Amino acid sequence: MMKTAWLFPGPGGHVKGVLAPLVTPGSERMDVLEAIDEVSREHGWGLVSPMLLEPNDGGESHPAHVWLGFFATSLIVSDVLREAGVGRDVLVGHSGGGLREPCPGSAPLFVPPCPP
């Protein structure tokens, strides 16, 4: 019996503009990015969403954006997969390297329970 796993990349696993085709202004997905931007702004790290929505964003970057970028990308892509009806038996919120060996200082990706 075949099983399906959603495996999300780890830090640095996103590319500039990756979410542009998946997020529209005023959408729930944009609300997710705005919430992540707010957390980033509260810590003085600047905005995360421009690097994910604009392919040539040359804006301010902070080392925390590596983590927040993959977190945001994972949340949006999981929403797209659910919306498309792609089932899953397992959700893995880190890179394949994290499966082979724990990474010191890495944090697992915690998301709300997925609807059936």
PDB file of N, CA and C in Angstrom:
ATOM      1  N   MET A   1       0.843  -1.187   0.000  1.00  0.00           N
ATOM      2  CA  MET A   1       0.000   0.000   0.000  1.00  0.00           C
ATOM      3  C   MET A   1       0.883   1.242   0.000  1.00  0.00           C
ATOM      4  N   MET A   2       0.623   2.138  -0.933  1.00  0.00           N
ATOM      5  CA  MET A   2       1.417   3.344  -1.033  1.00  0.00           C
ATOM      6  C   MET A   2       0.955   4.372  -0.001  1.00  0.00           C
ATOM      7  N   LYS A   3       1.918   5.060   0.605  1.00  0.00           N
ATOM      8  CA  LYS A   3       1.641   6.111   1.578  1.00  0.00           C
ATOM      9  C   LYS A   3       2.173   7.422   1.014  1.00  0.00           C
ATOM     10  N   THR A   4       1.575   8.509   1.429  1.00  0.00           N
ATOM     11  CA  THR A   4       2.000   9.834   0.986  1.00  0.00           C
ATOM     12  C   THR A   4       2.516  10.627   2.173  1.00  0.00           C
ATOM     13  N   ALA A   5       3.687  11.232   1.996  1.00  0.00           N
ATOM     14  CA  ALA A   5       4.258  12.109   3.020  1.00  0.00           C
ATOM     15  C   ALA A   5       4.438  13.492   2.419  1.00  0.00           C
ATOM     16  N   TRP A   6       4.081  14.480   3.185  1.00  0.00           N
ATOM     17  CA  TRP A   6       4.401  15.850   2.817  1.00  0.00           C
ATOM     18  C   TRP A   6       5.714  16.158   3.510  1.00  0.00           C
ATOM     19  N   LEU A   7       6.744  16.424   2.748  1.00  0.00           N
ATOM     20  CA  LEU A   7       8.059  16.746   3.297  1.00  0.00           C
ATOM     21  C   LEU A   7       8.407  18.162   2.894  1.00  0.00           C
ATOM     22  N   PHE A   8       8.557  19.033   3.872  1.00  0.00           N
ATOM     23  CA  PHE A   8       8.872  20.423   3.593  1.00  0.00           C
ATOM     24  C   PHE A   8      10.359  20.674   3.775  1.00  0.00           C
ATOM     25  N   PRO A   9      10.926  21.520   2.929  1.00  0.00           N
ATOM     26  CA  PRO A   9      12.350  21.810   3.025  1.00  0.00           C
ATOM     27  C   PRO A   9      12.679  22.553   4.306  1.00  0.00           C
ATOM     28  N   GLY A  10      13.921  22.498   4.674  1.00  0.00           N
ATOM     29  CA  GLY A  10      14.380  23.182   5.873  1.00  0.00           C
ATOM     30  C   GLY A  10      14.821  24.605   5.582  1.00  0.00           C
ATOM     31  N   PRO A  11      15.517  25.209   6.516  1.00  0.00           N
ATOM     32  CA  PRO A  11      15.968  26.590   6.373  1.00  0.00           C
ATOM     33  C   PRO A  11      16.733  26.797   5.067  1.00  0.00           C
ATOM     34  N   GLY A  12      16.396  27.868   4.384  1.00  0.00           N
ATOM     35  CA  GLY A  12      17.036  28.156   3.108  1.00  0.00           C
ATOM     36  C   GLY A  12      16.400  27.416   1.954  1.00  0.00           C
ATOM     37  N   GLY A  13      15.322  26.675   2.215  1.00  0.00           N
ATOM     38  CA  GLY A  13      14.682  25.869   1.180  1.00  0.00           C
ATOM     39  C   GLY A  13      13.686  26.636   0.333  1.00  0.00           C
ATOM     40  N   HIS A  14      13.666  27.930   0.450  1.00  0.00           N
ATOM     41  CA  HIS A  14      12.762  28.746  -0.363  1.00  0.00           C
ATOM     42  C   HIS A  14      13.593  29.578  -1.338  1.00  0.00           C
ATOM     43  N   VAL A  15      12.956  30.055  -2.367  1.00  0.00           N
ATOM     44  CA  VAL A  15      13.624  30.934  -3.329  1.00  0.00           C
ATOM     45  C   VAL A  15      12.808  32.213  -3.461  1.00  0.00           C
ATOM     46  N   LYS A  16      13.459  33.265  -3.862  1.00  0.00           N
ATOM     47  CA  LYS A  16      12.775  34.552  -4.020  1.00  0.00           C
ATOM     48  C   LYS A  16      11.606  34.415  -4.989  1.00  0.00           C
ATOM     49  N   GLY A  17      10.472  34.949  -4.590  1.00  0.00           N
ATOM     50  CA  GLY A  17       9.295  34.957  -5.438  1.00  0.00           C
ATOM     51  C   GLY A  17       8.512  33.661  -5.500  1.00  0.00           C
ATOM     52  N   VAL A  18       8.916  32.654  -4.726  1.00  0.00           N
ATOM     53  CA  VAL A  18       8.320  31.327  -4.824  1.00  0.00           C
ATOM     54  C   VAL A  18       6.804  31.319  -4.576  1.00  0.00           C
ATOM     55  N   LEU A  19       6.319  32.201  -3.724  1.00  0.00           N
ATOM     56  CA  LEU A  19       4.899  32.173  -3.385  1.00  0.00           C
ATOM     57  C   LEU A  19       4.050  33.111  -4.246  1.00  0.00           C
ATOM     58  N   ALA A  20       4.658  33.866  -5.140  1.00  0.00           N
ATOM     59  CA  ALA A  20       3.921  34.835  -5.956  1.00  0.00           C
ATOM     60  C   ALA A  20       2.712  34.225  -6.664  1.00  0.00           C
ATOM     61  N   PRO A  21       2.834  33.041  -7.280  1.00  0.00           N
ATOM     62  CA  PRO A  21       1.660  32.497  -7.969  1.00  0.00           C
ATOM     63  C   PRO A  21       0.605  31.912  -7.033  1.00  0.00           C
ATOM     64  N   LEU A  22       0.913  31.803  -5.747  1.00  0.00           N
ATOM     65  CA  LEU A  22       0.012  31.126  -4.813  1.00  0.00           C
ATOM     66  C   LEU A  22      -0.714  32.067  -3.853  1.00  0.00           C
ATOM     67  N   VAL A  23      -0.280  33.338  -3.799  1.00  0.00           N
ATOM     68  CA  VAL A  23      -0.824  34.279  -2.813  1.00  0.00           C
ATOM     69  C   VAL A  23      -1.373  35.511  -3.532  1.00  0.00           C
ATOM     70  N   THR A  24      -2.611  35.846  -3.225  1.00  0.00           N
ATOM     71  CA  THR A  24      -3.205  37.050  -3.796  1.00  0.00           C
ATOM     72  C   THR A  24      -3.509  38.043  -2.674  1.00  0.00           C
ATOM     73  N   PRO A  25      -3.445  39.330  -2.976  1.00  0.00           N
ATOM     74  CA  PRO A  25      -3.754  40.339  -1.957  1.00  0.00           C
ATOM     75  C   PRO A  25      -5.152  40.111  -1.374  1.00  0.00           C
ATOM     76  N   GLY A  26      -5.254  40.261  -0.053  1.00  0.00           N
ATOM     77  CA  GLY A  26      -6.539  40.103   0.612  1.00  0.00           C
ATOM     78  C   GLY A  26      -6.956  38.672   0.894  1.00  0.00           C
ATOM     79  N   SER A  27      -6.133  37.698   0.480  1.00  0.00           N
ATOM     80  CA  SER A  27      -6.472  36.288   0.697  1.00  0.00           C
ATOM     81  C   SER A  27      -6.048  35.836   2.094  1.00  0.00           C
ATOM     82  N   GLU A  28      -6.560  34.671   2.495  1.00  0.00           N
ATOM     83  CA  GLU A  28      -6.142  34.100   3.785  1.00  0.00           C
ATOM     84  C   GLU A  28      -4.646  33.796   3.775  1.00  0.00           C
ATOM     85  N   ARG A  29      -4.132  33.409   2.634  1.00  0.00           N
ATOM     86  CA  ARG A  29      -2.690  33.144   2.542  1.00  0.00           C
ATOM     87  C   ARG A  29      -1.897  34.425   2.777  1.00  0.00           C
ATOM     88  N   MET A  30      -2.396  35.548   2.269  1.00  0.00           N
ATOM     89  CA  MET A  30      -1.723  36.822   2.514  1.00  0.00           C
ATOM     90  C   MET A  30      -1.789  37.166   3.994  1.00  0.00           C
ATOM     91  N   ASP A  31      -2.912  36.832   4.644  1.00  0.00           N
ATOM     92  CA  ASP A  31      -3.035  37.053   6.087  1.00  0.00           C
ATOM     93  C   ASP A  31      -1.950  36.289   6.847  1.00  0.00           C
ATOM     94  N   VAL A  32      -1.647  35.063   6.410  1.00  0.00           N
ATOM     95  CA  VAL A  32      -0.592  34.261   7.035  1.00  0.00           C
ATOM     96  C   VAL A  32       0.753  34.978   6.903  1.00  0.00           C
ATOM     97  N   LEU A  33       1.051  35.447   5.696  1.00  0.00           N
ATOM     98  CA  LEU A  33       2.325  36.148   5.482  1.00  0.00           C
ATOM     99  C   LEU A  33       2.392  37.436   6.288  1.00  0.00           C
ATOM    100  N   GLU A  34       1.289  38.149   6.386  1.00  0.00           N
ATOM    101  CA  GLU A  34       1.273  39.387   7.169  1.00  0.00           C
ATOM    102  C   GLU A  34       1.501  39.109   8.652  1.00  0.00           C
ATOM    103  N   ALA A  35       0.964  37.999   9.154  1.00  0.00           N
ATOM    104  CA  ALA A  35       1.191  37.633  10.557  1.00  0.00           C
ATOM    105  C   ALA A  35       2.671  37.311  10.793  1.00  0.00           C
ATOM    106  N   ILE A  36       3.289  36.619   9.842  1.00  0.00           N
ATOM    107  CA  ILE A  36       4.717  36.307   9.965  1.00  0.00           C
ATOM    108  C   ILE A  36       5.539  37.579   9.861  1.00  0.00           C
ATOM    109  N   ASP A  37       5.149  38.493   8.966  1.00  0.00           N
ATOM    110  CA  ASP A  37       5.827  39.784   8.865  1.00  0.00           C
ATOM    111  C   ASP A  37       5.754  40.546  10.180  1.00  0.00           C
ATOM    112  N   GLU A  38       4.599  40.491  10.834  1.00  0.00           N
ATOM    113  CA  GLU A  38       4.431  41.207  12.098  1.00  0.00           C
ATOM    114  C   GLU A  38       5.389  40.673  13.165  1.00  0.00           C
ATOM    115  N   VAL A  39       5.512  39.368  13.256  1.00  0.00           N
ATOM    116  CA  VAL A  39       6.456  38.774  14.218  1.00  0.00           C
ATOM    117  C   VAL A  39       7.879  39.201  13.882  1.00  0.00           C
ATOM    118  N   SER A  40       8.222  39.154  12.610  1.00  0.00           N
ATOM    119  CA  SER A  40       9.562  39.543  12.180  1.00  0.00           C
ATOM    120  C   SER A  40       9.823  41.014  12.495  1.00  0.00           C
ATOM    121  N   ARG A  41       8.827  41.845  12.230  1.00  0.00           N
ATOM    122  CA  ARG A  41       8.960  43.282  12.495  1.00  0.00           C
ATOM    123  C   ARG A  41       9.131  43.537  13.992  1.00  0.00           C
ATOM    124  N   GLU A  42       8.367  42.819  14.830  1.00  0.00           N
ATOM    125  CA  GLU A  42       8.461  42.985  16.288  1.00  0.00           C
ATOM    126  C   GLU A  42       9.871  42.706  16.799  1.00  0.00           C
ATOM    127  N   HIS A  43      10.587  41.825  16.103  1.00  0.00           N
ATOM    128  CA  HIS A  43      11.955  41.485  16.503  1.00  0.00           C
ATOM    129  C   HIS A  43      12.996  42.348  15.798  1.00  0.00           C
ATOM    130  N   GLY A  44      12.538  43.296  14.984  1.00  0.00           N
ATOM    131  CA  GLY A  44      13.454  44.187  14.292  1.00  0.00           C
ATOM    132  C   GLY A  44      14.134  43.566  13.088  1.00  0.00           C
ATOM    133  N   TRP A  45      13.513  42.540  12.502  1.00  0.00           N
ATOM    134  CA  TRP A  45      14.138  41.813  11.395  1.00  0.00           C
ATOM    135  C   TRP A  45      13.642  42.255  10.021  1.00  0.00           C
ATOM    136  N   GLY A  46      12.664  43.121   9.960  1.00  0.00           N
ATOM    137  CA  GLY A  46      12.128  43.546   8.667  1.00  0.00           C
ATOM    138  C   GLY A  46      11.113  42.551   8.131  1.00  0.00           C
ATOM    139  N   LEU A  47      10.635  42.824   6.925  1.00  0.00           N
ATOM    140  CA  LEU A  47       9.574  42.014   6.326  1.00  0.00           C
ATOM    141  C   LEU A  47      10.114  40.761   5.644  1.00  0.00           C
ATOM    142  N   VAL A  48       9.355  39.689   5.736  1.00  0.00           N
ATOM    143  CA  VAL A  48       9.690  38.416   5.099  1.00  0.00           C
ATOM    144  C   VAL A  48       8.949  38.261   3.769  1.00  0.00           C
ATOM    145  N   SER A  49       7.699  38.713   3.729  1.00  0.00           N
ATOM    146  CA  SER A  49       6.865  38.461   2.547  1.00  0.00           C
ATOM    147  C   SER A  49       7.438  38.997   1.236  1.00  0.00           C
ATOM    148  N   PRO A  50       8.106  40.152   1.194  1.00  0.00           N
ATOM    149  CA  PRO A  50       8.628  40.599  -0.102  1.00  0.00           C
ATOM    150  C   PRO A  50       9.580  39.591  -0.750  1.00  0.00           C
ATOM    151  N   MET A  51      10.399  38.935   0.047  1.00  0.00           N
ATOM    152  CA  MET A  51      11.332  37.972  -0.561  1.00  0.00           C
ATOM    153  C   MET A  51      10.600  36.742  -1.099  1.00  0.00           C
ATOM    154  N   LEU A  52       9.411  36.459  -0.592  1.00  0.00           N
ATOM    155  CA  LEU A  52       8.657  35.296  -1.046  1.00  0.00           C
ATOM    156  C   LEU A  52       7.676  35.627  -2.166  1.00  0.00           C
ATOM    157  N   LEU A  53       7.353  36.899  -2.306  1.00  0.00           N
ATOM    158  CA  LEU A  53       6.358  37.315  -3.295  1.00  0.00           C
ATOM    159  C   LEU A  53       6.953  38.032  -4.503  1.00  0.00           C
ATOM    160  N   GLU A  54       8.157  38.568  -4.353  1.00  0.00           N
ATOM    161  CA  GLU A  54       8.759  39.347  -5.433  1.00  0.00           C
ATOM    162  C   GLU A  54      10.064  38.687  -5.877  1.00  0.00           C
ATOM    163  N   PRO A  55      10.125  38.238  -7.132  1.00  0.00           N
ATOM    164  CA  PRO A  55      11.298  37.496  -7.600  1.00  0.00           C
ATOM    165  C   PRO A  55      12.605  38.281  -7.558  1.00  0.00           C
ATOM    166  N   ASN A  56      12.537  39.583  -7.662  1.00  0.00           N
ATOM    167  CA  ASN A  56      13.767  40.374  -7.673  1.00  0.00           C
ATOM    168  C   ASN A  56      13.876  41.270  -6.459  1.00  0.00           C
ATOM    169  N   ASP A  57      13.301  40.839  -5.347  1.00  0.00           N
ATOM    170  CA  ASP A  57      13.337  41.661  -4.143  1.00  0.00           C
ATOM    171  C   ASP A  57      14.769  41.860  -3.686  1.00  0.00           C
ATOM    172  N   GLY A  58      15.184  43.089  -3.639  1.00  0.00           N
ATOM    173  CA  GLY A  58      16.528  43.398  -3.158  1.00  0.00           C
ATOM    174  C   GLY A  58      16.469  44.039  -1.795  1.00  0.00           C
ATOM    175  N   GLY A  59      15.339  43.837  -1.102  1.00  0.00           N
ATOM    176  CA  GLY A  59      15.128  44.480   0.193  1.00  0.00           C
ATOM    177  C   GLY A  59      16.021  43.939   1.295  1.00  0.00           C
ATOM    178  N   GLU A  60      15.798  44.491   2.445  1.00  0.00           N
ATOM    179  CA  GLU A  60      16.554  44.133   3.638  1.00  0.00           C
ATOM    180  C   GLU A  60      16.417  42.639   3.937  1.00  0.00           C
ATOM    181  N   SER A  61      17.509  42.021   4.335  1.00  0.00           N
ATOM    182  CA  SER A  61      17.478  40.610   4.682  1.00  0.00           C
ATOM    183  C   SER A  61      18.125  40.423   6.052  1.00  0.00           C
ATOM    184  N   HIS A  62      17.633  39.463   6.783  1.00  0.00           N
ATOM    185  CA  HIS A  62      18.142  39.160   8.114  1.00  0.00           C
ATOM    186  C   HIS A  62      18.323  37.644   8.193  1.00  0.00           C
ATOM    187  N   PRO A  63      19.306  37.153   8.961  1.00  0.00           N
ATOM    188  CA  PRO A  63      19.479  35.691   9.070  1.00  0.00           C
ATOM    189  C   PRO A  63      18.214  34.954   9.501  1.00  0.00           C
ATOM    190  N   ALA A  64      17.349  35.586  10.282  1.00  0.00           N
ATOM    191  CA  ALA A  64      16.105  34.941  10.712  1.00  0.00           C
ATOM    192  C   ALA A  64      15.169  34.691   9.537  1.00  0.00           C
ATOM    193  N   HIS A  65      15.350  35.441   8.441  1.00  0.00           N
ATOM    194  CA  HIS A  65      14.484  35.240   7.280  1.00  0.00           C
ATOM    195  C   HIS A  65      14.643  33.845   6.690  1.00  0.00           C
ATOM    196  N   VAL A  66      15.796  33.231   6.884  1.00  0.00           N
ATOM    197  CA  VAL A  66      15.994  31.864   6.398  1.00  0.00           C
ATOM    198  C   VAL A  66      14.983  30.939   7.073  1.00  0.00           C
ATOM    199  N   TRP A  67      14.821  31.096   8.379  1.00  0.00           N
ATOM    200  CA  TRP A  67      13.875  30.263   9.125  1.00  0.00           C
ATOM    201  C   TRP A  67      12.436  30.663   8.842  1.00  0.00           C
ATOM    202  N   LEU A  68      12.168  31.964   8.873  1.00  0.00           N
ATOM    203  CA  LEU A  68      10.801  32.425   8.647  1.00  0.00           C
ATOM    204  C   LEU A  68      10.358  32.172   7.210  1.00  0.00           C
ATOM    205  N   GLY A  69      11.290  32.219   6.270  1.00  0.00           N
ATOM    206  CA  GLY A  69      10.971  31.947   4.868  1.00  0.00           C
ATOM    207  C   GLY A  69      10.517  30.515   4.657  1.00  0.00           C
ATOM    208  N   PHE A  70      11.222  29.562   5.263  1.00  0.00           N
ATOM    209  CA  PHE A  70      10.802  28.169   5.072  1.00  0.00           C
ATOM    210  C   PHE A  70       9.533  27.867   5.868  1.00  0.00           C
ATOM    211  N   PHE A  71       9.357  28.518   7.012  1.00  0.00           N
ATOM    212  CA  PHE A  71       8.138  28.340   7.792  1.00  0.00           C
ATOM    213  C   PHE A  71       6.935  28.846   6.991  1.00  0.00           C
ATOM    214  N   ALA A  72       7.044  30.059   6.452  1.00  0.00           N
ATOM    215  CA  ALA A  72       5.946  30.636   5.666  1.00  0.00           C
ATOM    216  C   ALA A  72       5.658  29.800   4.430  1.00  0.00           C
ATOM    217  N   THR A  73       6.704  29.388   3.742  1.00  0.00           N
ATOM    218  CA  THR A  73       6.532  28.580   2.533  1.00  0.00           C
ATOM    219  C   THR A  73       5.833  27.263   2.863  1.00  0.00           C
ATOM    220  N   SER A  74       6.222  26.635   3.947  1.00  0.00           N
ATOM    221  CA  SER A  74       5.593  25.370   4.352  1.00  0.00           C
ATOM    222  C   SER A  74       4.115  25.551   4.659  1.00  0.00           C
ATOM    223  N   LEU A  75       3.755  26.632   5.358  1.00  0.00           N
ATOM    224  CA  LEU A  75       2.351  26.874   5.681  1.00  0.00           C
ATOM    225  C   LEU A  75       1.519  27.096   4.418  1.00  0.00           C
ATOM    226  N   ILE A  76       2.043  27.899   3.498  1.00  0.00           N
ATOM    227  CA  ILE A  76       1.291  28.202   2.279  1.00  0.00           C
ATOM    228  C   ILE A  76       1.174  26.959   1.397  1.00  0.00           C
ATOM    229  N   VAL A  77       2.271  26.236   1.225  1.00  0.00           N
ATOM    230  CA  VAL A  77       2.234  25.043   0.369  1.00  0.00           C
ATOM    231  C   VAL A  77       1.311  23.978   0.969  1.00  0.00           C
ATOM    232  N   SER A  78       1.294  23.836   2.291  1.00  0.00           N
ATOM    233  CA  SER A  78       0.379  22.852   2.888  1.00  0.00           C
ATOM    234  C   SER A  78      -1.071  23.241   2.611  1.00  0.00           C
ATOM    235  N   ASP A  79      -1.362  24.530   2.623  1.00  0.00           N
ATOM    236  CA  ASP A  79      -2.706  24.987   2.290  1.00  0.00           C
ATOM    237  C   ASP A  79      -3.050  24.656   0.837  1.00  0.00           C
ATOM    238  N   VAL A  80      -2.110  24.869  -0.063  1.00  0.00           N
ATOM    239  CA  VAL A  80      -2.327  24.558  -1.484  1.00  0.00           C
ATOM    240  C   VAL A  80      -2.577  23.062  -1.670  1.00  0.00           C
ATOM    241  N   LEU A  81      -1.781  22.235  -0.997  1.00  0.00           N
ATOM    242  CA  LEU A  81      -1.950  20.780  -1.114  1.00  0.00           C
ATOM    243  C   LEU A  81      -3.310  20.336  -0.587  1.00  0.00           C
ATOM    244  N   ARG A  82      -3.717  20.855   0.571  1.00  0.00           N
ATOM    245  CA  ARG A  82      -5.041  20.509   1.120  1.00  0.00           C
ATOM    246  C   ARG A  82      -6.141  20.936   0.164  1.00  0.00           C
ATOM    247  N   GLU A  83      -6.015  22.163  -0.355  1.00  0.00           N
ATOM    248  CA  GLU A  83      -7.033  22.689  -1.271  1.00  0.00           C
ATOM    249  C   GLU A  83      -7.131  21.839  -2.544  1.00  0.00           C
ATOM    250  N   ALA A  84      -5.999  21.293  -2.981  1.00  0.00           N
ATOM    251  CA  ALA A  84      -5.967  20.468  -4.191  1.00  0.00           C
ATOM    252  C   ALA A  84      -6.413  19.033  -3.918  1.00  0.00           C
ATOM    253  N   GLY A  85      -6.666  18.711  -2.648  1.00  0.00           N
ATOM    254  CA  GLY A  85      -7.128  17.372  -2.317  1.00  0.00           C
ATOM    255  C   GLY A  85      -6.021  16.337  -2.243  1.00  0.00           C
ATOM    256  N   VAL A  86      -4.778  16.797  -2.110  1.00  0.00           N
ATOM    257  CA  VAL A  86      -3.657  15.869  -1.988  1.00  0.00           C
ATOM    258  C   VAL A  86      -3.633  15.355  -0.556  1.00  0.00           C
ATOM    259  N   GLY A  87      -3.889  14.085  -0.402  1.00  0.00           N
ATOM    260  CA  GLY A  87      -3.905  13.480   0.924  1.00  0.00           C
ATOM    261  C   GLY A  87      -2.507  13.290   1.472  1.00  0.00           C
ATOM    262  N   ARG A  88      -2.425  12.995   2.747  1.00  0.00           N
ATOM    263  CA  ARG A  88      -1.125  12.724   3.365  1.00  0.00           C
ATOM    264  C   ARG A  88      -1.326  11.763   4.518  1.00  0.00           C
ATOM    265  N   ASP A  89      -0.341  10.910   4.673  1.00  0.00           N
ATOM    266  CA  ASP A  89      -0.329   9.994   5.799  1.00  0.00           C
ATOM    267  C   ASP A  89       0.606  10.506   6.888  1.00  0.00           C
ATOM    268  N   VAL A  90       1.606  11.274   6.456  1.00  0.00           N
ATOM    269  CA  VAL A  90       2.620  11.791   7.372  1.00  0.00           C
ATOM    270  C   VAL A  90       2.951  13.223   6.971  1.00  0.00           C
ATOM    271  N   LEU A  91       3.195  14.079   7.946  1.00  0.00           N
ATOM    272  CA  LEU A  91       3.650  15.447   7.705  1.00  0.00           C
ATOM    273  C   LEU A  91       5.012  15.605   8.359  1.00  0.00           C
ATOM    274  N   VAL A  92       6.020  15.919   7.563  1.00  0.00           N
ATOM    275  CA  VAL A  92       7.374  16.123   8.079  1.00  0.00           C
ATOM    276  C   VAL A  92       7.724  17.579   7.849  1.00  0.00           C
ATOM    277  N   GLY A  93       8.042  18.285   8.922  1.00  0.00           N
ATOM    278  CA  GLY A  93       8.270  19.717   8.807  1.00  0.00           C
ATOM    279  C   GLY A  93       9.716  20.117   8.865  1.00  0.00           C
ATOM    280  N   HIS A  94      10.584  19.373   8.221  1.00  0.00           N
ATOM    281  CA  HIS A  94      11.999  19.737   8.162  1.00  0.00           C
ATOM    282  C   HIS A  94      12.594  19.074   6.934  1.00  0.00           C
ATOM    283  N   SER A  95      13.854  19.346   6.683  1.00  0.00           N
ATOM    284  CA  SER A  95      14.491  18.803   5.483  1.00  0.00           C
ATOM    285  C   SER A  95      14.830  17.321   5.658  1.00  0.00           C
ATOM    286  N   GLY A  96      15.178  16.666   4.547  1.00  0.00           N
ATOM    287  CA  GLY A  96      15.585  15.269   4.598  1.00  0.00           C
ATOM    288  C   GLY A  96      16.783  15.063   5.494  1.00  0.00           C
ATOM    289  N   GLY A  97      17.675  16.039   5.551  1.00  0.00           N
ATOM    290  CA  GLY A  97      18.838  15.945   6.439  1.00  0.00           C
ATOM    291  C   GLY A  97      18.424  15.836   7.890  1.00  0.00           C
ATOM    292  N   GLY A  98      17.309  16.482   8.224  1.00  0.00           N
ATOM    293  CA  GLY A  98      16.800  16.403   9.589  1.00  0.00           C
ATOM    294  C   GLY A  98      16.262  15.026   9.912  1.00  0.00           C
ATOM    295  N   LEU A  99      15.932  14.245   8.878  1.00  0.00           N
ATOM    296  CA  LEU A  99      15.452  12.887   9.111  1.00  0.00           C
ATOM    297  C   LEU A  99      16.610  11.944   9.406  1.00  0.00           C
ATOM    298  N   ARG A 100      17.755  12.219   8.785  1.00  0.00           N
ATOM    299  CA  ARG A 100      18.906  11.331   8.960  1.00  0.00           C
ATOM    300  C   ARG A 100      19.578  11.524  10.308  1.00  0.00           C
ATOM    301  N   GLU A 101      19.618  12.763  10.761  1.00  0.00           N
ATOM    302  CA  GLU A 101      20.378  13.048  11.966  1.00  0.00           C
ATOM    303  C   GLU A 101      19.885  14.359  12.555  1.00  0.00           C
ATOM    304  N   PRO A 102      19.600  14.400  13.840  1.00  0.00           N
ATOM    305  CA  PRO A 102      19.127  15.658  14.432  1.00  0.00           C
ATOM    306  C   PRO A 102      20.156  16.770  14.261  1.00  0.00           C
ATOM    307  N   CYS A 103      19.661  17.958  14.004  1.00  0.00           N
ATOM    308  CA  CYS A 103      20.539  19.124  13.829  1.00  0.00           C
ATOM    309  C   CYS A 103      20.514  19.941  15.113  1.00  0.00           C
ATOM    310  N   PRO A 104      21.650  20.149  15.746  1.00  0.00           N
ATOM    311  CA  PRO A 104      21.663  20.957  16.974  1.00  0.00           C
ATOM    312  C   PRO A 104      21.085  22.341  16.721  1.00  0.00           C
ATOM    313  N   GLY A 105      20.220  22.754  17.594  1.00  0.00           N
ATOM    314  CA  GLY A 105      19.648  24.087  17.500  1.00  0.00           C
ATOM    315  C   GLY A 105      18.507  24.211  16.512  1.00  0.00           C
ATOM    316  N   SER A 106      18.163  23.130  15.816  1.00  0.00           N
ATOM    317  CA  SER A 106      17.058  23.242  14.863  1.00  0.00           C
ATOM    318  C   SER A 106      15.735  23.099  15.604  1.00  0.00           C
ATOM    319  N   ALA A 107      14.717  23.674  15.033  1.00  0.00           N
ATOM    320  CA  ALA A 107      13.399  23.608  15.654  1.00  0.00           C
ATOM    321  C   ALA A 107      12.445  22.890  14.715  1.00  0.00           C
ATOM    322  N   PRO A 108      11.623  22.001  15.233  1.00  0.00           N
ATOM    323  CA  PRO A 108      10.628  21.358  14.367  1.00  0.00           C
ATOM    324  C   PRO A 108       9.572  22.363  13.953  1.00  0.00           C
ATOM    325  N   LEU A 109       8.896  22.062  12.908  1.00  0.00           N
ATOM    326  CA  LEU A 109       7.825  22.927  12.416  1.00  0.00           C
ATOM    327  C   LEU A 109       6.521  22.461  13.027  1.00  0.00           C
ATOM    328  N   PHE A 110       5.927  23.277  13.851  1.00  0.00           N
ATOM    329  CA  PHE A 110       4.650  22.939  14.478  1.00  0.00           C
ATOM    330  C   PHE A 110       3.553  23.683  13.746  1.00  0.00           C
ATOM    331  N   VAL A 111       2.575  22.964  13.254  1.00  0.00           N
ATOM    332  CA  VAL A 111       1.438  23.574  12.580  1.00  0.00           C
ATOM    333  C   VAL A 111       0.172  23.041  13.237  1.00  0.00           C
ATOM    334  N   PRO A 112      -0.929  23.783  13.119  1.00  0.00           N
ATOM    335  CA  PRO A 112      -2.179  23.273  13.679  1.00  0.00           C
ATOM    336  C   PRO A 112      -2.553  21.948  13.031  1.00  0.00           C
ATOM    337  N   PRO A 113      -3.308  21.113  13.710  1.00  0.00           N
ATOM    338  CA  PRO A 113      -3.698  19.832  13.108  1.00  0.00           C
ATOM    339  C   PRO A 113      -4.361  20.057  11.759  1.00  0.00           C
ATOM    340  N   CYS A 114      -4.002  19.219  10.814  1.00  0.00           N
ATOM    341  CA  CYS A 114      -4.580  19.313   9.469  1.00  0.00           C
ATOM    342  C   CYS A 114      -5.971  18.713   9.482  1.00  0.00           C
ATOM    343  N   PRO A 115      -6.896  19.353   8.782  1.00  0.00           N
ATOM    344  CA  PRO A 115      -8.237  18.757   8.711  1.00  0.00           C
ATOM    345  C   PRO A 115      -8.184  17.459   7.914  1.00  0.00           C
ATOM    346  N   PRO A 116      -9.109  16.527   8.191  1.00  0.00           N
ATOM    347  CA  PRO A 116      -9.105  15.243   7.461  1.00  0.00           C
ATOM    348  C   PRO A 116      -9.354  15.422   5.984  1.00  0.00           C
TER     349      PRO A 116
END
